[in-house]
PDB file of N, CA and C in Angstrom:
ATOM      1  N   MET A   1       9.848 -11.032  33.951  1.00  0.00           N
ATOM      2  CA  MET A   1       8.384 -10.933  33.393  1.00  0.00           C
ATOM      3  C   MET A   1       8.634  -9.955  32.422  1.00  0.00           C
ATOM      4  N   ILE A   2       8.135 -10.212  31.106  1.00  0.00           N
ATOM      5  CA  ILE A   2       7.904  -9.462  30.036  1.00  0.00           C
ATOM      6  C   ILE A   2       6.601  -9.040  29.849  1.00  0.00           C
ATOM      7  N   VAL A   3       6.136  -7.791  29.849  1.00  0.00           N
ATOM      8  CA  VAL A   3       4.831  -7.308  29.753  1.00  0.00           C
ATOM      9  C   VAL A   3       4.709  -6.662  28.331  1.00  0.00           C
ATOM     10  N   THR A   4       3.709  -7.127  27.513  1.00  0.00           N
ATOM     11  CA  THR A   4       3.637  -6.509  26.225  1.00  0.00           C
ATOM     12  C   THR A   4       2.158  -6.615  25.727  1.00  0.00           C
ATOM     13  N   SER A   5       1.865  -5.928  24.707  1.00  0.00           N
ATOM     14  CA  SER A   5       0.425  -5.835  24.216  1.00  0.00           C
ATOM     15  C   SER A   5       0.308  -6.709  23.136  1.00  0.00           C
ATOM     16  N   THR A   6       1.326  -7.431  22.585  1.00  0.00           N
ATOM     17  CA  THR A   6       1.304  -8.305  21.389  1.00  0.00           C
ATOM     18  C   THR A   6       0.997  -9.716  21.880  1.00  0.00           C
ATOM     19  N   ASN A   7       0.622 -10.609  20.984  1.00  0.00           N
ATOM     20  CA  ASN A   7       0.422 -11.916  21.337  1.00  0.00           C
ATOM     21  C   ASN A   7       1.678 -12.727  21.061  1.00  0.00           C
ATOM     22  N   THR A   8       2.710 -12.437  20.458  1.00  0.00           N
ATOM     23  CA  THR A   8       4.108 -13.113  20.327  1.00  0.00           C
ATOM     24  C   THR A   8       5.247 -12.318  20.623  1.00  0.00           C
ATOM     25  N   ILE A   9       6.296 -13.040  21.238  1.00  0.00           N
ATOM     26  CA  ILE A   9       7.534 -12.324  21.460  1.00  0.00           C
ATOM     27  C   ILE A   9       8.596 -13.133  20.616  1.00  0.00           C
ATOM     28  N   GLU A  10       9.387 -12.464  19.855  1.00  0.00           N
ATOM     29  CA  GLU A  10      10.237 -13.289  19.078  1.00  0.00           C
ATOM     30  C   GLU A  10      11.384 -13.731  19.801  1.00  0.00           C
ATOM     31  N   GLY A  11      11.588 -14.994  19.842  1.00  0.00           N
ATOM     32  CA  GLY A  11      12.562 -15.851  20.499  1.00  0.00           C
ATOM     33  C   GLY A  11      12.067 -16.105  21.931  1.00  0.00           C
ATOM     34  N   ARG A  12      10.901 -16.005  22.329  1.00  0.00           N
ATOM     35  CA  ARG A  12      10.485 -16.284  23.468  1.00  0.00           C
ATOM     36  C   ARG A  12       9.306 -17.192  23.503  1.00  0.00           C
ATOM     37  N   GLU A  13       8.910 -17.983  24.653  1.00  0.00           N
ATOM     38  CA  GLU A  13       7.748 -18.839  24.742  1.00  0.00           C
ATOM     39  C   GLU A  13       6.831 -18.147  25.640  1.00  0.00           C
ATOM     40  N   VAL A  14       5.539 -17.967  25.109  1.00  0.00           N
ATOM     41  CA  VAL A  14       4.638 -17.304  25.965  1.00  0.00           C
ATOM     42  C   VAL A  14       4.079 -18.309  26.957  1.00  0.00           C
ATOM     43  N   LEU A  15       4.214 -18.056  28.270  1.00  0.00           N
ATOM     44  CA  LEU A  15       3.796 -19.079  29.237  1.00  0.00           C
ATOM     45  C   LEU A  15       2.408 -18.995  29.858  1.00  0.00           C
ATOM     46  N   ARG A  16       1.911 -17.725  29.846  1.00  0.00           N
ATOM     47  CA  ARG A  16       0.629 -17.383  30.304  1.00  0.00           C
ATOM     48  C   ARG A  16       0.053 -16.004  29.742  1.00  0.00           C
ATOM     49  N   TYR A  17      -1.228 -16.122  29.475  1.00  0.00           N
ATOM     50  CA  TYR A  17      -1.890 -14.965  28.901  1.00  0.00           C
ATOM     51  C   TYR A  17      -2.775 -14.360  30.227  1.00  0.00           C
ATOM     52  N   PHE A  18      -2.638 -13.029  30.373  1.00  0.00           N
ATOM     53  CA  PHE A  18      -3.546 -12.385  31.302  1.00  0.00           C
ATOM     54  C   PHE A  18      -4.725 -11.771  30.817  1.00  0.00           C
ATOM     55  N   ASP A  19      -5.760 -11.660  31.251  1.00  0.00           N
ATOM     56  CA  ASP A  19      -6.911 -11.005  30.711  1.00  0.00           C
ATOM     57  C   ASP A  19      -6.553  -9.319  30.695  1.00  0.00           C
ATOM     58  N   PRO A  20      -7.204  -8.755  29.972  1.00  0.00           N
ATOM     59  CA  PRO A  20      -6.877  -7.354  29.835  1.00  0.00           C
ATOM     60  C   PRO A  20      -7.505  -6.724  31.211  1.00  0.00           C
ATOM     61  N   ILE A  21      -6.860  -5.601  31.686  1.00  0.00           N
ATOM     62  CA  ILE A  21      -7.370  -4.887  32.719  1.00  0.00           C
ATOM     63  C   ILE A  21      -7.438  -3.504  32.372  1.00  0.00           C
ATOM     64  N   SER A  22      -8.730  -2.987  32.742  1.00  0.00           N
ATOM     65  CA  SER A  22      -9.055  -1.606  32.261  1.00  0.00           C
ATOM     66  C   SER A  22      -9.368  -0.862  33.715  1.00  0.00           C
ATOM     67  N   ALA A  23      -9.273   0.461  33.568  1.00  0.00           N
ATOM     68  CA  ALA A  23      -9.469   1.391  34.678  1.00  0.00           C
ATOM     69  C   ALA A  23      -9.830   2.588  34.115  1.00  0.00           C
ATOM     70  N   THR A  24     -10.766   3.413  34.992  1.00  0.00           N
ATOM     71  CA  THR A  24     -11.300   4.633  34.491  1.00  0.00           C
ATOM     72  C   THR A  24     -10.866   5.645  35.692  1.00  0.00           C
ATOM     73  N   ALA A  25     -10.339   6.906  35.221  1.00  0.00           N
ATOM     74  CA  ALA A  25     -10.077   7.791  36.142  1.00  0.00           C
ATOM     75  C   ALA A  25     -11.173   8.869  35.913  1.00  0.00           C
ATOM     76  N   VAL A  26     -11.778   9.292  37.022  1.00  0.00           N
ATOM     77  CA  VAL A  26     -12.814  10.305  37.004  1.00  0.00           C
ATOM     78  C   VAL A  26     -12.361  11.678  37.717  1.00  0.00           C
ATOM     79  N   ILE A  27     -12.376  12.574  36.871  1.00  0.00           N
ATOM     80  CA  ILE A  27     -12.051  14.055  37.344  1.00  0.00           C
ATOM     81  C   ILE A  27     -13.179  14.564  38.116  1.00  0.00           C
ATOM     82  N   GLY A  28     -12.956  15.201  39.329  1.00  0.00           N
ATOM     83  CA  GLY A  28     -14.162  15.597  40.038  1.00  0.00           C
ATOM     84  C   GLY A  28     -15.089  16.403  39.260  1.00  0.00           C
ATOM     85  N   ALA A  29     -16.383  16.247  39.723  1.00  0.00           N
ATOM     86  CA  ALA A  29     -17.375  16.953  38.941  1.00  0.00           C
ATOM     87  C   ALA A  29     -17.269  18.344  38.888  1.00  0.00           C
ATOM     88  N   ASN A  30     -16.740  18.971  39.926  1.00  0.00           N
ATOM     89  CA  ASN A  30     -16.510  20.500  39.990  1.00  0.00           C
ATOM     90  C   ASN A  30     -15.254  21.074  39.677  1.00  0.00           C
ATOM     91  N   ALA A  31     -14.452  20.212  38.982  1.00  0.00           N
ATOM     92  CA  ALA A  31     -13.077  20.383  38.699  1.00  0.00           C
ATOM     93  C   ALA A  31     -13.003  21.690  37.690  1.00  0.00           C
ATOM     94  N   LEU A  32     -13.712  21.977  36.758  1.00  0.00           N
ATOM     95  CA  LEU A  32     -13.694  23.021  35.988  1.00  0.00           C
ATOM     96  C   LEU A  32     -14.045  24.388  36.661  1.00  0.00           C
ATOM     97  N   SER A  33     -15.067  24.311  37.438  1.00  0.00           N
ATOM     98  CA  SER A  33     -15.635  25.429  38.226  1.00  0.00           C
ATOM     99  C   SER A  33     -14.579  25.780  39.201  1.00  0.00           C
ATOM    100  N   ALA A  34     -13.865  24.909  39.835  1.00  0.00           N
ATOM    101  CA  ALA A  34     -12.852  25.131  40.825  1.00  0.00           C
ATOM    102  C   ALA A  34     -11.497  25.859  40.101  1.00  0.00           C
ATOM    103  N   ILE A  35     -11.314  25.454  38.979  1.00  0.00           N
ATOM    104  CA  ILE A  35     -10.089  26.027  38.193  1.00  0.00           C
ATOM    105  C   ILE A  35     -10.587  27.538  37.816  1.00  0.00           C
ATOM    106  N   ARG A  36     -11.851  27.761  37.415  1.00  0.00           N
ATOM    107  CA  ARG A  36     -12.391  28.948  36.927  1.00  0.00           C
ATOM    108  C   ARG A  36     -12.244  29.938  38.279  1.00  0.00           C
ATOM    109  N   SER A  37     -12.899  29.422  39.364  1.00  0.00           N
ATOM    110  CA  SER A  37     -12.860  30.224  40.502  1.00  0.00           C
ATOM    111  C   SER A  37     -11.366  30.562  41.037  1.00  0.00           C
ATOM    112  N   GLU A  38     -10.336  29.782  40.904  1.00  0.00           N
ATOM    113  CA  GLU A  38      -9.017  29.987  41.167  1.00  0.00           C
ATOM    114  C   GLU A  38      -8.491  31.101  40.352  1.00  0.00           C
ATOM    115  N   LEU A  39      -8.898  31.026  39.029  1.00  0.00           N
ATOM    116  CA  LEU A  39      -8.517  31.955  38.001  1.00  0.00           C
ATOM    117  C   LEU A  39      -8.820  33.363  38.356  1.00  0.00           C
ATOM    118  N   ARG A  40     -10.281  33.397  38.567  1.00  0.00           N
ATOM    119  CA  ARG A  40     -10.941  34.512  39.058  1.00  0.00           C
ATOM    120  C   ARG A  40     -10.405  35.396  40.183  1.00  0.00           C
ATOM    121  N   ARG A  41      -9.870  34.424  41.263  1.00  0.00           N
ATOM    122  CA  ARG A  41      -9.371  34.887  42.389  1.00  0.00           C
ATOM    123  C   ARG A  41      -8.048  35.495  42.224  1.00  0.00           C
ATOM    124  N   TYR A  42      -7.076  34.739  41.315  1.00  0.00           N
ATOM    125  CA  TYR A  42      -5.892  35.292  41.022  1.00  0.00           C
ATOM    126  C   TYR A  42      -6.105  36.583  40.185  1.00  0.00           C
ATOM    127  N   LEU A  43      -7.061  36.689  39.181  1.00  0.00           N
ATOM    128  CA  LEU A  43      -7.236  37.964  38.476  1.00  0.00           C
ATOM    129  C   LEU A  43      -7.484  39.081  39.375  1.00  0.00           C
ATOM    130  N   ARG A  44      -8.441  38.861  40.341  1.00  0.00           N
ATOM    131  CA  ARG A  44      -8.705  40.022  41.302  1.00  0.00           C
ATOM    132  C   ARG A  44      -7.545  40.420  42.006  1.00  0.00           C
ATOM    133  N   TRP A  45      -6.618  39.441  42.425  1.00  0.00           N
ATOM    134  CA  TRP A  45      -5.440  39.875  43.303  1.00  0.00           C
ATOM    135  C   TRP A  45      -4.613  40.781  42.358  1.00  0.00           C
ATOM    136  N   ALA A  46      -4.333  40.272  41.245  1.00  0.00           N
ATOM    137  CA  ALA A  46      -3.449  40.848  40.268  1.00  0.00           C
ATOM    138  C   ALA A  46      -3.806  42.216  39.753  1.00  0.00           C
ATOM    139  N   LEU A  47      -5.227  42.477  39.685  1.00  0.00           N
ATOM    140  CA  LEU A  47      -5.609  43.829  39.321  1.00  0.00           C
ATOM    141  C   LEU A  47      -5.622  44.632  40.560  1.00  0.00           C
ATOM    142  N   SER A  48      -5.776  44.195  41.687  1.00  0.00           N
ATOM    143  CA  SER A  48      -5.662  45.007  42.836  1.00  0.00           C
ATOM    144  C   SER A  48      -4.235  45.467  43.205  1.00  0.00           C
ATOM    145  N   GLN A  49      -3.309  44.808  42.641  1.00  0.00           N
ATOM    146  CA  GLN A  49      -2.049  45.168  42.684  1.00  0.00           C
ATOM    147  C   GLN A  49      -1.546  46.225  41.758  1.00  0.00           C
ATOM    148  N   LEU A  50      -2.269  46.589  40.851  1.00  0.00           N
ATOM    149  CA  LEU A  50      -1.924  47.720  39.886  1.00  0.00           C
ATOM    150  C   LEU A  50      -2.144  49.108  40.446  1.00  0.00           C
TER     151      LEU A  50
END
């Protein structure tokens, strides 16, 4: 099976067309705040090591 986003393939016969499939990935609502809190935690630890 050849998968392509064009409607022709040189030297091949197209036997079947499939409808486009789309998907959406959602990052967690608190992803940025979680990253920020981890960074803050790391900085507190790094400063305590000085």
